Amino acid sequence: MRTRATVAGGVVLVLIAVIAIWLVMRQVGNELRLPLSSRTCTVQADGRVALDADQMANAATIAAIGAQRGMPERAVVVALATAYQESGLRNLADGDRDSVGLFQQRPSQGWGTPKQIRDPRYAAKRFYAALKKVRGWESMRVTDAAQRVQRSAFPEAYQKWADDSEVLSRALLGDATGAVACSVGRTPVMRGATAAAQLTRNLVLDWGVSSTDPADQTGLSVAAGDQRDGWRYAHWLVSHAQDHGVKRVRFGGLEWTARAGTWGRVSGEQGPAGQVVAEVFAEG
């Protein structure tokens, strides 16, 4: 009897330890998932944030969808902080129970089908729609506004991402100049006409712009109504450089190149005034 009791006690202790570890990891969020060496994008806008290419692309889409829907910058901060905590800004295929996607939304709770929720644009739109229904969310703390939408077991967990999300929002909504810089590997996902076409399509889907103009299947240009719009599009293009094969982005007398991974002054021809111009990697 004593042996059975000892074994049972040991099993209980193991279960308690496993549960404790899960709770700690859930509370900490995704801070420990990403090695610093893989963070290939930096965002500097009254603060500094480092992300990898997938995280950066997802953050850019979340911000763009918020702007397209006419949501204020505060809403974008809340959305980014939520995605930071729930998925580490990753489009996850699974999660707790039936949760999936950037915001770990649950099909069983009426958020949509798993396929729909795995679409970052759909997921972001559903999040903003839910946030908009929360009375007084604009004056709430980031974590309180997020919690009213998410109903998390850890309602304070979102607040730790507020500062980073504010940095990202300022840059991705065009309130900073040359603020998003990414290093691109030698093997981008797309090249040539395929990259140009997909880049144009996704820029339209994310921002709702209608004046994109493919440039001889080597890139695109998009008209910017003002400096803020220009930097929104320019930063979005750099954020999607790795997955869309972007080689060069020019706007406002500055140029980002995949080779350098940074912004610098344009030497020589400036390009059309009021236009954001992107060049993709050539075929081959």
C-alpha atoms as a PDB file:
ATOM      1  CA  MET A   1       0.000   0.000   0.000  1.00  0.00           C
ATOM      2  CA  ARG A   2       2.848   2.326   0.841  1.00  0.00           C
ATOM      3  CA  THR A   3       4.435   1.716  -2.597  1.00  0.00           C
ATOM      4  CA  ARG A   4       1.182   2.478  -4.369  1.00  0.00           C
ATOM      5  CA  ALA A   5       0.769   5.633  -2.326  1.00  0.00           C
ATOM      6  CA  THR A   6       4.320   6.676  -3.148  1.00  0.00           C
ATOM      7  CA  VAL A   7       3.780   6.119  -6.882  1.00  0.00           C
ATOM      8  CA  ALA A   8       0.487   7.983  -6.802  1.00  0.00           C
ATOM      9  CA  GLY A   9       2.111  10.830  -4.958  1.00  0.00           C
ATOM     10  CA  GLY A  10       4.890  10.960  -7.534  1.00  0.00           C
ATOM     11  CA  VAL A  11       2.406  11.092 -10.407  1.00  0.00           C
ATOM     12  CA  VAL A  12       0.551  13.931  -8.732  1.00  0.00           C
ATOM     13  CA  LEU A  13       3.786  15.876  -8.265  1.00  0.00           C
ATOM     14  CA  VAL A  14       4.708  15.392 -11.928  1.00  0.00           C
ATOM     15  CA  LEU A  15       1.276  16.599 -13.027  1.00  0.00           C
ATOM     16  CA  ILE A  16       1.553  19.634 -10.775  1.00  0.00           C
ATOM     17  CA  ALA A  17       4.999  20.426 -12.200  1.00  0.00           C
ATOM     18  CA  VAL A  18       3.747  20.100 -15.793  1.00  0.00           C
ATOM     19  CA  ILE A  19       0.772  22.354 -15.092  1.00  0.00           C
ATOM     20  CA  ALA A  20       3.005  24.898 -13.360  1.00  0.00           C
ATOM     21  CA  ILE A  21       5.399  25.000 -16.310  1.00  0.00           C
ATOM     22  CA  TRP A  22       2.485  25.445 -18.740  1.00  0.00           C
ATOM     23  CA  LEU A  23       1.067  28.290 -16.658  1.00  0.00           C
ATOM     24  CA  VAL A  24       4.427  30.069 -16.499  1.00  0.00           C
ATOM     25  CA  MET A  25       4.979  29.732 -20.244  1.00  0.00           C
ATOM     26  CA  ARG A  26       1.452  30.947 -20.950  1.00  0.00           C
ATOM     27  CA  GLN A  27       1.963  33.969 -18.709  1.00  0.00           C
ATOM     28  CA  VAL A  28       5.358  34.796 -20.176  1.00  0.00           C
ATOM     29  CA  GLY A  29       3.885  34.487 -23.654  1.00  0.00           C
ATOM     30  CA  ASN A  30       6.188  34.002 -26.617  1.00  0.00           C
ATOM     31  CA  GLU A  31       9.160  35.993 -25.387  1.00  0.00           C
ATOM     32  CA  LEU A  32      11.389  32.924 -25.207  1.00  0.00           C
ATOM     33  CA  ARG A  33      10.447  31.356 -28.541  1.00  0.00           C
ATOM     34  CA  LEU A  34      12.627  33.434 -30.807  1.00  0.00           C
ATOM     35  CA  PRO A  35      16.461  33.443 -30.684  1.00  0.00           C
ATOM     36  CA  LEU A  36      17.909  36.917 -31.023  1.00  0.00           C
ATOM     37  CA  SER A  37      20.063  35.785 -33.943  1.00  0.00           C
ATOM     38  CA  SER A  38      16.971  35.208 -36.102  1.00  0.00           C
ATOM     39  CA  ARG A  39      15.513  38.662 -35.582  1.00  0.00           C
ATOM     40  CA  THR A  40      16.231  40.129 -38.990  1.00  0.00           C
ATOM     41  CA  CYS A  41      14.008  43.227 -38.797  1.00  0.00           C
ATOM     42  CA  THR A  42      14.403  46.265 -36.578  1.00  0.00           C
ATOM     43  CA  VAL A  43      11.835  48.996 -36.014  1.00  0.00           C
ATOM     44  CA  GLN A  44      12.917  52.320 -34.520  1.00  0.00           C
ATOM     45  CA  ALA A  45      10.278  54.929 -33.703  1.00  0.00           C
ATOM     46  CA  ASP A  46      10.808  56.485 -30.268  1.00  0.00           C
ATOM     47  CA  GLY A  47      11.861  53.022 -29.165  1.00  0.00           C
ATOM     48  CA  ARG A  48      13.315  49.907 -30.743  1.00  0.00           C
ATOM     49  CA  VAL A  49      11.767  46.518 -31.541  1.00  0.00           C
ATOM     50  CA  ALA A  50      13.419  43.486 -33.160  1.00  0.00           C
ATOM     51  CA  LEU A  51      11.410  40.835 -35.014  1.00  0.00           C
ATOM     52  CA  ASP A  52      11.998  38.088 -37.521  1.00  0.00           C
ATOM     53  CA  ALA A  53      10.647  38.259 -41.069  1.00  0.00           C
ATOM     54  CA  ASP A  54       7.411  36.345 -40.391  1.00  0.00           C
ATOM     55  CA  GLN A  55       6.574  38.412 -37.321  1.00  0.00           C
ATOM     56  CA  MET A  56       7.309  41.642 -39.174  1.00  0.00           C
ATOM     57  CA  ALA A  57       5.084  40.722 -42.113  1.00  0.00           C
ATOM     58  CA  ASN A  58       2.224  39.767 -39.786  1.00  0.00           C
ATOM     59  CA  ALA A  59       2.576  42.972 -37.773  1.00  0.00           C
ATOM     60  CA  ALA A  60       2.496  45.035 -40.979  1.00  0.00           C
ATOM     61  CA  THR A  61      -0.695  43.323 -42.145  1.00  0.00           C
ATOM     62  CA  ILE A  62      -2.412  43.794 -38.767  1.00  0.00           C
ATOM     63  CA  ALA A  63      -1.585  47.517 -38.822  1.00  0.00           C
ATOM     64  CA  ALA A  64      -2.663  47.929 -42.445  1.00  0.00           C
ATOM     65  CA  ILE A  65      -6.026  46.244 -41.891  1.00  0.00           C
ATOM     66  CA  GLY A  66      -6.654  48.514 -38.913  1.00  0.00           C
ATOM     67  CA  ALA A  67      -5.914  51.614 -40.990  1.00  0.00           C
ATOM     68  CA  GLN A  68      -8.018  50.326 -43.897  1.00  0.00           C
ATOM     69  CA  ARG A  69     -10.973  49.912 -41.528  1.00  0.00           C
ATOM     70  CA  GLY A  70     -10.542  53.450 -40.223  1.00  0.00           C
ATOM     71  CA  MET A  71      -9.523  52.345 -36.733  1.00  0.00           C
ATOM     72  CA  PRO A  72      -7.435  54.785 -34.661  1.00  0.00           C
ATOM     73  CA  GLU A  73      -3.811  54.085 -33.841  1.00  0.00           C
ATOM     74  CA  ARG A  74      -4.799  52.995 -30.331  1.00  0.00           C
ATOM     75  CA  ALA A  75      -6.755  50.093 -31.825  1.00  0.00           C
ATOM     76  CA  VAL A  76      -3.690  48.969 -33.770  1.00  0.00           C
ATOM     77  CA  VAL A  77      -1.657  49.031 -30.550  1.00  0.00           C
ATOM     78  CA  VAL A  78      -4.255  46.835 -28.836  1.00  0.00           C
ATOM     79  CA  ALA A  79      -4.387  44.429 -31.796  1.00  0.00           C
ATOM     80  CA  LEU A  80      -0.605  44.089 -31.985  1.00  0.00           C
ATOM     81  CA  ALA A  81      -0.285  43.565 -28.224  1.00  0.00           C
ATOM     82  CA  THR A  82      -2.956  40.869 -28.416  1.00  0.00           C
ATOM     83  CA  ALA A  83      -1.248  39.043 -31.277  1.00  0.00           C
ATOM     84  CA  TYR A  84       2.111  39.387 -29.507  1.00  0.00           C
ATOM     85  CA  GLN A  85       0.739  37.615 -26.441  1.00  0.00           C
ATOM     86  CA  GLU A  86      -1.484  35.064 -28.111  1.00  0.00           C
ATOM     87  CA  SER A  87       0.820  33.828 -30.856  1.00  0.00           C
ATOM     88  CA  GLY A  88       4.097  35.736 -30.764  1.00  0.00           C
ATOM     89  CA  LEU A  89       2.908  37.444 -33.973  1.00  0.00           C
ATOM     90  CA  ARG A  90       2.870  34.062 -35.717  1.00  0.00           C
ATOM     91  CA  ASN A  91       0.050  32.536 -37.738  1.00  0.00           C
ATOM     92  CA  LEU A  92      -0.180  29.347 -35.690  1.00  0.00           C
ATOM     93  CA  ALA A  93      -1.919  26.229 -36.972  1.00  0.00           C
ATOM     94  CA  ASP A  94      -3.056  25.249 -33.485  1.00  0.00           C
ATOM     95  CA  GLY A  95      -3.066  26.306 -29.852  1.00  0.00           C
ATOM     96  CA  ASP A  96      -5.013  25.900 -26.632  1.00  0.00           C
ATOM     97  CA  ARG A  97      -8.073  23.728 -27.353  1.00  0.00           C
ATOM     98  CA  ASP A  98      -9.261  24.720 -30.858  1.00  0.00           C
ATOM     99  CA  SER A  99      -7.483  28.105 -31.008  1.00  0.00           C
ATOM    100  CA  VAL A 100      -5.668  28.987 -34.252  1.00  0.00           C
ATOM    101  CA  GLY A 101      -4.040  31.921 -35.986  1.00  0.00           C
ATOM    102  CA  LEU A 102      -2.498  35.221 -34.967  1.00  0.00           C
ATOM    103  CA  PHE A 103      -5.074  35.998 -32.283  1.00  0.00           C
ATOM    104  CA  GLN A 104      -5.718  32.370 -31.282  1.00  0.00           C
ATOM    105  CA  GLN A 105      -9.375  32.762 -32.138  1.00  0.00           C
ATOM    106  CA  ARG A 106     -11.592  29.704 -31.633  1.00  0.00           C
ATOM    107  CA  PRO A 107     -13.953  28.312 -34.271  1.00  0.00           C
ATOM    108  CA  SER A 108     -16.115  26.895 -31.479  1.00  0.00           C
ATOM    109  CA  GLN A 109     -16.626  30.418 -30.152  1.00  0.00           C
ATOM    110  CA  GLY A 110     -17.932  31.754 -33.442  1.00  0.00           C
ATOM    111  CA  TRP A 111     -14.797  33.422 -34.812  1.00  0.00           C
ATOM    112  CA  GLY A 112     -14.980  31.557 -38.113  1.00  0.00           C
ATOM    113  CA  THR A 113     -13.699  28.342 -39.647  1.00  0.00           C
ATOM    114  CA  PRO A 114     -10.081  27.295 -39.003  1.00  0.00           C
ATOM    115  CA  LYS A 115      -9.258  28.157 -42.627  1.00  0.00           C
ATOM    116  CA  GLN A 116     -10.765  31.627 -42.286  1.00  0.00           C
ATOM    117  CA  ILE A 117      -9.003  32.340 -39.004  1.00  0.00           C
ATOM    118  CA  ARG A 118      -5.660  31.288 -40.490  1.00  0.00           C
ATOM    119  CA  ASP A 119      -6.046  34.158 -42.980  1.00  0.00           C
ATOM    120  CA  PRO A 120      -4.288  37.070 -41.195  1.00  0.00           C
ATOM    121  CA  ARG A 121      -6.545  39.649 -42.874  1.00  0.00           C
ATOM    122  CA  TYR A 122      -9.719  37.866 -41.851  1.00  0.00           C
ATOM    123  CA  ALA A 123      -8.454  37.371 -38.292  1.00  0.00           C
ATOM    124  CA  ALA A 124      -7.446  41.031 -37.961  1.00  0.00           C
ATOM    125  CA  LYS A 125     -10.782  42.243 -39.327  1.00  0.00           C
ATOM    126  CA  ARG A 126     -12.674  40.064 -36.851  1.00  0.00           C
ATOM    127  CA  PHE A 127     -10.541  41.335 -33.972  1.00  0.00           C
ATOM    128  CA  TYR A 128     -11.094  44.997 -34.870  1.00  0.00           C
ATOM    129  CA  ALA A 129     -14.829  44.397 -35.321  1.00  0.00           C
ATOM    130  CA  ALA A 130     -15.025  42.861 -31.844  1.00  0.00           C
ATOM    131  CA  LEU A 131     -12.923  45.637 -30.286  1.00  0.00           C
ATOM    132  CA  LYS A 132     -15.124  48.299 -31.834  1.00  0.00           C
ATOM    133  CA  LYS A 133     -18.122  46.831 -29.981  1.00  0.00           C
ATOM    134  CA  VAL A 134     -16.435  47.260 -26.583  1.00  0.00           C
ATOM    135  CA  ARG A 135     -17.861  50.401 -25.024  1.00  0.00           C
ATOM    136  CA  GLY A 136     -15.140  52.795 -23.891  1.00  0.00           C
ATOM    137  CA  TRP A 137     -12.224  50.702 -25.149  1.00  0.00           C
ATOM    138  CA  GLU A 138     -10.414  53.864 -26.297  1.00  0.00           C
ATOM    139  CA  SER A 139      -9.805  54.986 -22.697  1.00  0.00           C
ATOM    140  CA  MET A 140      -8.926  51.547 -21.314  1.00  0.00           C
ATOM    141  CA  ARG A 141      -5.460  50.203 -20.669  1.00  0.00           C
ATOM    142  CA  VAL A 142      -4.200  48.091 -23.540  1.00  0.00           C
ATOM    143  CA  THR A 143      -4.553  44.887 -21.528  1.00  0.00           C
ATOM    144  CA  ASP A 144      -8.102  45.696 -20.421  1.00  0.00           C
ATOM    145  CA  ALA A 145      -9.267  46.442 -23.973  1.00  0.00           C
ATOM    146  CA  ALA A 146      -7.625  43.255 -25.263  1.00  0.00           C
ATOM    147  CA  GLN A 147      -9.130  41.202 -22.464  1.00  0.00           C
ATOM    148  CA  ARG A 148     -12.650  42.404 -23.236  1.00  0.00           C
ATOM    149  CA  VAL A 149     -12.226  40.826 -26.669  1.00  0.00           C
ATOM    150  CA  GLN A 150     -10.155  37.752 -25.831  1.00  0.00           C
ATOM    151  CA  ARG A 151     -11.516  36.645 -22.439  1.00  0.00           C
ATOM    152  CA  SER A 152      -8.119  35.228 -21.513  1.00  0.00           C
ATOM    153  CA  ALA A 153      -7.281  33.345 -18.320  1.00  0.00           C
ATOM    154  CA  PHE A 154      -4.407  35.827 -17.966  1.00  0.00           C
ATOM    155  CA  PRO A 155      -6.013  39.276 -18.310  1.00  0.00           C
ATOM    156  CA  GLU A 156      -2.847  41.216 -17.386  1.00  0.00           C
ATOM    157  CA  ALA A 157      -0.616  39.428 -19.883  1.00  0.00           C
ATOM    158  CA  TYR A 158      -1.248  41.815 -22.786  1.00  0.00           C
ATOM    159  CA  GLN A 159       0.097  44.898 -21.020  1.00  0.00           C
ATOM    160  CA  LYS A 160       3.732  43.836 -21.220  1.00  0.00           C
ATOM    161  CA  TRP A 161       3.533  44.174 -25.009  1.00  0.00           C
ATOM    162  CA  ALA A 162       2.062  47.680 -25.001  1.00  0.00           C
ATOM    163  CA  ASP A 163       5.354  49.583 -25.404  1.00  0.00           C
ATOM    164  CA  ASP A 164       6.623  47.413 -28.262  1.00  0.00           C
ATOM    165  CA  SER A 165       3.225  47.623 -29.947  1.00  0.00           C
ATOM    166  CA  GLU A 166       3.282  51.418 -29.755  1.00  0.00           C
ATOM    167  CA  VAL A 167       6.686  51.461 -31.463  1.00  0.00           C
ATOM    168  CA  LEU A 168       5.401  49.181 -34.215  1.00  0.00           C
ATOM    169  CA  SER A 169       2.216  51.216 -34.650  1.00  0.00           C
ATOM    170  CA  ARG A 170       4.066  54.511 -35.039  1.00  0.00           C
ATOM    171  CA  ALA A 171       6.277  53.038 -37.746  1.00  0.00           C
ATOM    172  CA  LEU A 172       3.708  50.954 -39.607  1.00  0.00           C
ATOM    173  CA  LEU A 173       1.131  53.761 -39.667  1.00  0.00           C
ATOM    174  CA  GLY A 174       3.642  56.173 -41.197  1.00  0.00           C
ATOM    175  CA  ASP A 175       4.420  58.368 -38.192  1.00  0.00           C
ATOM    176  CA  ALA A 176       8.171  57.761 -38.528  1.00  0.00           C
ATOM    177  CA  THR A 177      10.619  58.021 -41.438  1.00  0.00           C
ATOM    178  CA  GLY A 178      12.748  55.066 -42.558  1.00  0.00           C
ATOM    179  CA  ALA A 179      11.780  53.258 -39.354  1.00  0.00           C
ATOM    180  CA  VAL A 180      11.459  49.653 -40.591  1.00  0.00           C
ATOM    181  CA  ALA A 181      14.655  47.966 -41.759  1.00  0.00           C
ATOM    182  CA  CYS A 182      14.941  44.272 -42.639  1.00  0.00           C
ATOM    183  CA  SER A 183      17.779  42.087 -43.823  1.00  0.00           C
ATOM    184  CA  VAL A 184      16.781  39.739 -46.637  1.00  0.00           C
ATOM    185  CA  GLY A 185      18.470  36.428 -47.321  1.00  0.00           C
ATOM    186  CA  ARG A 186      19.887  35.406 -50.674  1.00  0.00           C
ATOM    187  CA  THR A 187      16.932  33.132 -51.421  1.00  0.00           C
ATOM    188  CA  PRO A 188      13.716  35.198 -51.279  1.00  0.00           C
ATOM    189  CA  VAL A 189      10.478  33.236 -51.522  1.00  0.00           C
ATOM    190  CA  MET A 190       9.530  34.878 -54.843  1.00  0.00           C
ATOM    191  CA  ARG A 191      11.245  36.566 -57.767  1.00  0.00           C
ATOM    192  CA  GLY A 192      10.433  38.376 -60.999  1.00  0.00           C
ATOM    193  CA  ALA A 193       6.922  38.704 -62.393  1.00  0.00           C
ATOM    194  CA  THR A 194       5.467  36.346 -59.784  1.00  0.00           C
ATOM    195  CA  ALA A 195       6.859  38.465 -56.957  1.00  0.00           C
ATOM    196  CA  ALA A 196       5.669  41.727 -58.547  1.00  0.00           C
ATOM    197  CA  ALA A 197       2.161  40.396 -59.117  1.00  0.00           C
ATOM    198  CA  GLN A 198       1.802  38.972 -55.618  1.00  0.00           C
ATOM    199  CA  LEU A 199       3.238  42.098 -54.046  1.00  0.00           C
ATOM    200  CA  THR A 200       0.727  44.246 -55.922  1.00  0.00           C
ATOM    201  CA  ARG A 201      -2.172  41.976 -54.993  1.00  0.00           C
ATOM    202  CA  ASN A 202      -1.334  41.888 -51.291  1.00  0.00           C
ATOM    203  CA  LEU A 203      -0.704  45.624 -51.069  1.00  0.00           C
ATOM    204  CA  VAL A 204      -4.205  46.151 -52.440  1.00  0.00           C
ATOM    205  CA  LEU A 205      -5.689  43.593 -50.023  1.00  0.00           C
ATOM    206  CA  ASP A 206      -3.925  45.022 -46.966  1.00  0.00           C
ATOM    207  CA  TRP A 207      -4.292  48.735 -47.683  1.00  0.00           C
ATOM    208  CA  GLY A 208      -7.231  48.875 -50.061  1.00  0.00           C
ATOM    209  CA  VAL A 209      -5.265  51.095 -52.449  1.00  0.00           C
ATOM    210  CA  SER A 210      -6.379  51.125 -56.072  1.00  0.00           C
ATOM    211  CA  SER A 211      -3.594  53.048 -57.788  1.00  0.00           C
ATOM    212  CA  THR A 212      -0.825  50.451 -57.822  1.00  0.00           C
ATOM    213  CA  ASP A 213       1.083  50.210 -61.092  1.00  0.00           C
ATOM    214  CA  PRO A 214       3.290  47.185 -61.899  1.00  0.00           C
ATOM    215  CA  ALA A 215       6.530  48.448 -63.407  1.00  0.00           C
ATOM    216  CA  ASP A 216       7.471  46.145 -66.298  1.00  0.00           C
ATOM    217  CA  GLN A 217       6.961  43.103 -64.040  1.00  0.00           C
ATOM    218  CA  THR A 218      10.041  44.083 -62.030  1.00  0.00           C
ATOM    219  CA  GLY A 219       8.238  45.794 -59.166  1.00  0.00           C
ATOM    220  CA  LEU A 220       5.505  48.338 -58.535  1.00  0.00           C
ATOM    221  CA  SER A 221       4.849  51.952 -57.736  1.00  0.00           C
ATOM    222  CA  VAL A 222       2.015  53.380 -55.676  1.00  0.00           C
ATOM    223  CA  ALA A 223       0.866  56.960 -55.329  1.00  0.00           C
ATOM    224  CA  ALA A 224       1.079  58.432 -51.835  1.00  0.00           C
ATOM    225  CA  GLY A 225      -1.305  61.216 -50.917  1.00  0.00           C
ATOM    226  CA  ASP A 226       1.129  62.581 -48.344  1.00  0.00           C
ATOM    227  CA  GLN A 227       4.288  61.694 -46.450  1.00  0.00           C
ATOM    228  CA  ARG A 228       2.416  59.619 -43.884  1.00  0.00           C
ATOM    229  CA  ASP A 229       0.775  57.457 -46.542  1.00  0.00           C
ATOM    230  CA  GLY A 230       4.086  57.107 -48.328  1.00  0.00           C
ATOM    231  CA  TRP A 231       5.844  55.778 -45.258  1.00  0.00           C
ATOM    232  CA  ARG A 232       2.954  53.442 -44.495  1.00  0.00           C
ATOM    233  CA  TYR A 233       3.377  51.791 -47.888  1.00  0.00           C
ATOM    234  CA  ALA A 234       7.174  51.918 -47.814  1.00  0.00           C
ATOM    235  CA  HIS A 235       7.381  50.287 -44.392  1.00  0.00           C
ATOM    236  CA  TRP A 236       4.827  47.660 -45.422  1.00  0.00           C
ATOM    237  CA  LEU A 237       6.923  46.810 -48.487  1.00  0.00           C
ATOM    238  CA  VAL A 238      10.084  46.384 -46.412  1.00  0.00           C
ATOM    239  CA  SER A 239       8.153  44.330 -43.839  1.00  0.00           C
ATOM    240  CA  HIS A 240       7.157  41.921 -46.621  1.00  0.00           C
ATOM    241  CA  ALA A 241      10.544  41.915 -48.348  1.00  0.00           C
ATOM    242  CA  GLN A 242      11.537  38.352 -47.500  1.00  0.00           C
ATOM    243  CA  ASP A 243       8.254  36.683 -48.414  1.00  0.00           C
ATOM    244  CA  HIS A 244       7.697  38.810 -51.542  1.00  0.00           C
ATOM    245  CA  GLY A 245      11.235  39.104 -52.929  1.00  0.00           C
ATOM    246  CA  VAL A 246      11.569  42.869 -52.495  1.00  0.00           C
ATOM    247  CA  LYS A 247      15.032  44.094 -53.445  1.00  0.00           C
ATOM    248  CA  ARG A 248      14.682  47.877 -53.184  1.00  0.00           C
ATOM    249  CA  VAL A 249      12.184  50.465 -51.875  1.00  0.00           C
ATOM    250  CA  ARG A 250      12.367  54.219 -52.529  1.00  0.00           C
ATOM    251  CA  PHE A 251      10.387  57.088 -51.072  1.00  0.00           C
ATOM    252  CA  GLY A 252      10.986  60.645 -49.926  1.00  0.00           C
ATOM    253  CA  GLY A 253      14.591  60.798 -51.076  1.00  0.00           C
ATOM    254  CA  LEU A 254      15.484  57.661 -49.098  1.00  0.00           C
ATOM    255  CA  GLU A 255      16.153  54.122 -50.259  1.00  0.00           C
ATOM    256  CA  TRP A 256      16.116  50.741 -48.536  1.00  0.00           C
ATOM    257  CA  THR A 257      18.001  47.878 -50.179  1.00  0.00           C
ATOM    258  CA  ALA A 258      17.983  44.178 -49.358  1.00  0.00           C
ATOM    259  CA  ARG A 259      21.754  44.149 -49.735  1.00  0.00           C
ATOM    260  CA  ALA A 260      22.349  46.761 -47.050  1.00  0.00           C
ATOM    261  CA  GLY A 261      19.236  46.058 -45.005  1.00  0.00           C
ATOM    262  CA  THR A 262      19.037  49.736 -44.055  1.00  0.00           C
ATOM    263  CA  TRP A 263      17.732  53.075 -45.318  1.00  0.00           C
ATOM    264  CA  GLY A 264      20.018  55.664 -46.884  1.00  0.00           C
ATOM    265  CA  ARG A 265      19.929  58.692 -49.140  1.00  0.00           C
ATOM    266  CA  VAL A 266      19.135  58.040 -52.788  1.00  0.00           C
ATOM    267  CA  SER A 267      22.099  58.660 -55.037  1.00  0.00           C
ATOM    268  CA  GLY A 268      21.310  59.723 -58.590  1.00  0.00           C
ATOM    269  CA  GLU A 269      17.773  59.602 -59.952  1.00  0.00           C
ATOM    270  CA  GLN A 270      15.191  60.248 -57.242  1.00  0.00           C
ATOM    271  CA  GLY A 271      12.170  58.648 -58.894  1.00  0.00           C
ATOM    272  CA  PRO A 272       8.667  60.100 -59.342  1.00  0.00           C
ATOM    273  CA  ALA A 273       7.592  62.630 -56.730  1.00  0.00           C
ATOM    274  CA  GLY A 274       4.888  61.369 -54.406  1.00  0.00           C
ATOM    275  CA  GLN A 275       5.435  57.756 -55.459  1.00  0.00           C
ATOM    276  CA  VAL A 276       6.611  54.779 -53.427  1.00  0.00           C
ATOM    277  CA  VAL A 277       8.639  52.580 -55.779  1.00  0.00           C
ATOM    278  CA  ALA A 278       9.590  48.963 -55.101  1.00  0.00           C
ATOM    279  CA  GLU A 279      11.850  46.669 -57.133  1.00  0.00           C
ATOM    280  CA  VAL A 280      11.815  42.881 -56.788  1.00  0.00           C
ATOM    281  CA  PHE A 281      14.604  40.367 -57.329  1.00  0.00           C
ATOM    282  CA  ALA A 282      14.977  39.319 -60.941  1.00  0.00           C
ATOM    283  CA  GLU A 283      14.341  35.768 -62.102  1.00  0.00           C
ATOM    284  CA  GLY A 284      17.311  33.446 -62.019  1.00  0.00           C
END
